[in-house]
Protein backbone atom coordinates (compact mmCIF):
# COMPACT_ATOMS: atom_id res chain seq x y z
CA MET A 1 -3.96 -68.61 -45.97
CA ILE A 2 -2.37 -67.84 -49.33
CA ASP A 3 -4.72 -70.34 -50.99
CA GLU A 4 -7.80 -68.71 -49.46
CA LYS A 5 -6.61 -65.23 -50.51
CA ARG A 6 -6.08 -66.51 -54.03
CA LEU A 7 -9.56 -68.02 -54.05
CA VAL A 8 -11.09 -64.77 -52.74
CA TRP A 9 -9.20 -62.86 -55.43
CA LYS A 10 -10.60 -65.20 -58.11
CA PHE A 11 -14.07 -64.96 -56.57
CA ASN A 12 -13.93 -61.17 -56.81
CA ARG A 13 -13.17 -61.55 -60.50
CA GLY A 14 -16.28 -63.64 -61.08
CA SER A 15 -15.02 -67.20 -60.66
CA LYS A 16 -17.91 -69.46 -59.66
CA ASP A 17 -15.41 -72.28 -59.22
CA ALA A 18 -13.56 -70.23 -56.57
CA LEU A 19 -16.83 -69.72 -54.69
CA ARG A 20 -17.51 -73.46 -54.86
CA GLN A 21 -14.01 -74.25 -53.58
CA LEU A 22 -14.39 -71.81 -50.69
CA TYR A 23 -17.74 -73.35 -49.82
CA GLU A 24 -16.37 -76.91 -49.94
CA LYS A 25 -13.34 -75.94 -47.86
CA TYR A 26 -15.29 -74.33 -44.99
CA LYS A 27 -18.84 -75.73 -45.02
CA ASP A 28 -18.21 -78.56 -42.53
CA ASP A 29 -16.47 -76.34 -39.96
CA LEU A 30 -19.17 -73.70 -40.29
CA LEU A 31 -21.94 -76.26 -40.00
CA GLY A 32 -20.33 -77.64 -36.84
CA LEU A 33 -20.17 -74.13 -35.42
CA ALA A 34 -23.79 -73.40 -36.31
CA VAL A 35 -25.06 -76.72 -34.89
CA THR A 36 -23.19 -76.05 -31.66
CA LEU A 37 -24.62 -72.55 -31.35
CA LEU A 38 -28.17 -73.31 -32.47
CA ARG A 39 -28.56 -76.95 -31.40
CA ASP A 40 -30.69 -77.58 -34.48
CA ARG A 41 -29.09 -79.10 -37.57
CA ALA A 42 -31.73 -77.93 -40.06
CA GLU A 43 -31.52 -74.37 -38.80
CA ALA A 44 -27.72 -74.58 -38.78
CA GLU A 45 -27.76 -75.64 -42.43
CA ASP A 46 -29.98 -72.64 -43.20
CA VAL A 47 -27.55 -70.32 -41.44
CA VAL A 48 -24.54 -71.64 -43.38
CA HIS A 49 -26.51 -71.36 -46.62
CA ASP A 50 -27.59 -67.80 -45.80
CA VAL A 51 -24.03 -66.79 -44.98
CA PHE A 52 -22.70 -68.12 -48.29
CA VAL A 53 -25.55 -66.56 -50.28
CA SER A 54 -24.81 -63.24 -48.61
CA PHE A 55 -21.11 -63.67 -49.32
CA ALA A 56 -21.81 -64.54 -52.97
CA ARG A 57 -23.61 -61.22 -53.36
CA THR A 58 -20.38 -59.38 -52.50
CA ALA A 59 -18.63 -60.63 -55.64
CA GLY A 60 -16.39 -57.98 -57.09
CA GLY A 61 -16.25 -55.87 -53.95
CA PHE A 62 -15.27 -58.18 -51.11
CA SER A 63 -12.09 -57.26 -49.26
CA LEU A 64 -10.49 -59.64 -46.80
CA THR A 65 -8.85 -58.04 -43.77
CA GLY A 66 -8.29 -61.11 -41.59
CA THR A 67 -8.68 -64.79 -42.26
CA PHE A 68 -11.53 -65.93 -44.44
CA LYS A 69 -12.46 -68.65 -41.97
CA GLY A 70 -12.62 -66.05 -39.21
CA TYR A 71 -14.83 -63.84 -41.36
CA LEU A 72 -17.22 -66.68 -42.15
CA SER A 73 -17.23 -67.90 -38.53
CA THR A 74 -18.19 -64.42 -37.38
CA CYS A 75 -20.98 -64.25 -39.96
CA VAL A 76 -22.32 -67.63 -38.82
CA ALA A 77 -22.13 -66.62 -35.15
CA ASN A 78 -23.93 -63.34 -35.85
CA CYS A 79 -26.63 -65.06 -37.87
CA ALA A 80 -27.04 -67.70 -35.14
CA ARG A 81 -27.32 -64.96 -32.50
CA ASP A 82 -30.02 -63.23 -34.57
CA ARG A 83 -31.96 -66.47 -34.87
CA ASN A 84 -31.65 -67.12 -31.13
CA ARG A 85 -32.99 -63.62 -30.43
CA LEU A 86 -35.91 -64.26 -32.74
CA LYS A 87 -36.57 -67.58 -31.00
CA SER A 88 -36.55 -65.95 -27.58
CA ARG A 89 -38.99 -63.29 -28.79
CA LEU A 90 -41.27 -66.02 -30.02
CA ASP A 91 -40.74 -67.88 -26.73
CA VAL A 92 -39.65 -71.07 -28.43
CA GLY A 93 -37.18 -73.39 -26.71
CA LEU A 94 -34.09 -74.77 -28.35
CA ASP A 95 -34.42 -78.18 -29.97
CA ALA A 96 -32.24 -81.06 -28.91
CA ALA A 97 -28.80 -81.08 -30.49
CA GLU A 98 -28.12 -83.43 -33.35
CA ASP A 99 -24.92 -85.34 -33.43
CA ILE A 100 -22.17 -84.33 -35.78
CA GLY A 101 -20.65 -87.79 -35.71
CA ALA A 102 -17.18 -89.05 -36.33
CA ASP A 103 -15.27 -89.07 -39.60
CA SER A 104 -14.34 -92.73 -39.27
CA ASP A 105 -15.55 -95.65 -41.38
CA ASP A 106 -15.14 -97.98 -38.38
CA PRO A 107 -18.62 -98.49 -36.86
CA VAL A 108 -17.26 -98.78 -33.31
CA GLU A 109 -15.26 -95.54 -33.64
CA HIS A 110 -18.23 -93.84 -35.29
CA ALA A 111 -20.58 -94.88 -32.49
CA ALA A 112 -18.13 -93.77 -29.80
CA GLY A 113 -17.49 -90.49 -31.62
CA SER A 114 -21.21 -89.87 -32.08
CA GLU A 115 -21.92 -90.59 -28.44
CA GLU A 116 -19.11 -88.27 -27.35
CA ALA A 117 -20.29 -85.56 -29.76
CA ASN A 118 -23.83 -85.86 -28.39
CA ARG A 119 -22.60 -85.55 -24.81
CA LEU A 120 -20.47 -82.53 -25.68
CA GLN A 121 -23.36 -80.88 -27.56
CA GLY A 122 -25.60 -81.46 -24.56
CA ILE A 123 -23.11 -80.00 -22.12
CA LEU A 124 -22.40 -76.98 -24.32
CA GLY A 125 -26.13 -76.51 -24.75
CA ARG A 126 -26.49 -75.92 -21.02
CA LEU A 127 -24.34 -72.79 -21.24
CA PRO A 128 -25.84 -69.36 -21.94
CA PHE A 129 -25.58 -68.53 -25.65
CA GLU A 130 -23.08 -65.69 -25.07
CA GLN A 131 -20.65 -68.00 -23.26
CA ARG A 132 -21.16 -70.90 -25.69
CA GLU A 133 -20.54 -68.57 -28.63
CA ILE A 134 -17.19 -67.35 -27.26
CA ILE A 135 -16.01 -70.85 -26.33
CA VAL A 136 -16.88 -72.30 -29.73
CA LEU A 137 -15.35 -69.40 -31.66
CA HIS A 138 -12.16 -69.64 -29.61
CA LEU A 139 -11.71 -73.40 -29.35
CA HIS A 140 -13.45 -74.78 -32.43
CA GLN A 141 -12.88 -71.94 -34.90
CA GLU A 142 -9.48 -71.05 -33.42
CA MET A 143 -10.19 -67.32 -33.25
CA ARG A 144 -8.17 -65.20 -30.86
CA PHE A 145 -9.98 -63.21 -28.17
CA ARG A 146 -9.14 -59.93 -29.89
CA GLU A 147 -10.61 -61.20 -33.19
CA ILE A 148 -13.76 -62.32 -31.40
CA ALA A 149 -14.08 -58.96 -29.63
CA GLU A 150 -13.73 -57.05 -32.89
CA ALA A 151 -16.08 -59.36 -34.75
CA LEU A 152 -18.81 -59.20 -32.10
CA GLY A 153 -18.34 -55.53 -31.29
CA ILE A 154 -17.65 -56.10 -27.60
CA SER A 155 -14.63 -55.44 -25.40
CA ILE A 156 -11.86 -58.00 -25.12
CA ASN A 157 -12.48 -58.03 -21.34
CA THR A 158 -16.08 -59.09 -21.96
CA VAL A 159 -14.90 -61.85 -24.30
CA GLN A 160 -12.37 -63.10 -21.76
CA SER A 161 -14.83 -63.03 -18.87
CA ARG A 162 -17.53 -64.86 -20.88
CA TYR A 163 -14.93 -67.45 -21.84
CA ARG A 164 -13.75 -67.83 -18.24
CA TYR A 165 -17.27 -68.07 -16.80
CA GLY A 166 -18.30 -70.50 -19.53
CA MET A 167 -15.30 -72.73 -18.92
CA GLU A 168 -15.96 -72.68 -15.17
CA LYS A 169 -19.56 -73.67 -15.78
CA LEU A 170 -18.46 -76.44 -18.17
CA ARG A 171 -16.10 -77.81 -15.52
CA SER A 172 -18.90 -77.71 -12.97
CA ILE A 173 -21.34 -79.48 -15.31
CA ILE A 174 -18.80 -82.15 -16.25
CA LYS A 175 -17.81 -82.67 -12.61
CA SER A 176 -21.45 -83.08 -11.59
CA THR A 177 -22.13 -85.59 -14.39
CA VAL A 178 -19.04 -87.63 -13.56
CA THR A 179 -19.85 -87.86 -9.85
CA LYS A 180 -23.43 -89.08 -10.47
């Protein structure tokens, strides 16, 4: 937390190296979030790029009120939501999820991790976007319900109910796939 505040402080004073370090520190987490929400790796990469370009334009005037990761996660989620709205207006379905893969050099572990990631992406993809968004922000990005509510401009009760309904649906989906 102190390191990210120091980097943001340097960024506000024009340090391109600080921007690069912030990007390197958070790009993988943000890409994972975007892929989970959009189910399209190329579009997810565009979202992460757009978020960092937008952030770079704030140099000199950016003020951090919470965690930087939370700020970026919210930006990615909002951008993903906008893209999903645009897709639904154009009546285009979501593409199949791409695997994120495992971080292991062992081929067996990588294959197992990739298979598991694919299954998880597929299951999450069956949830409505609003529920998937809350679950990913809470579990993957480690945001608290109150932070999510403030970031998305909805009540904490709405966040909690979307989380609860999403988790119930996930349990139901997993139970039905296990019993087949």
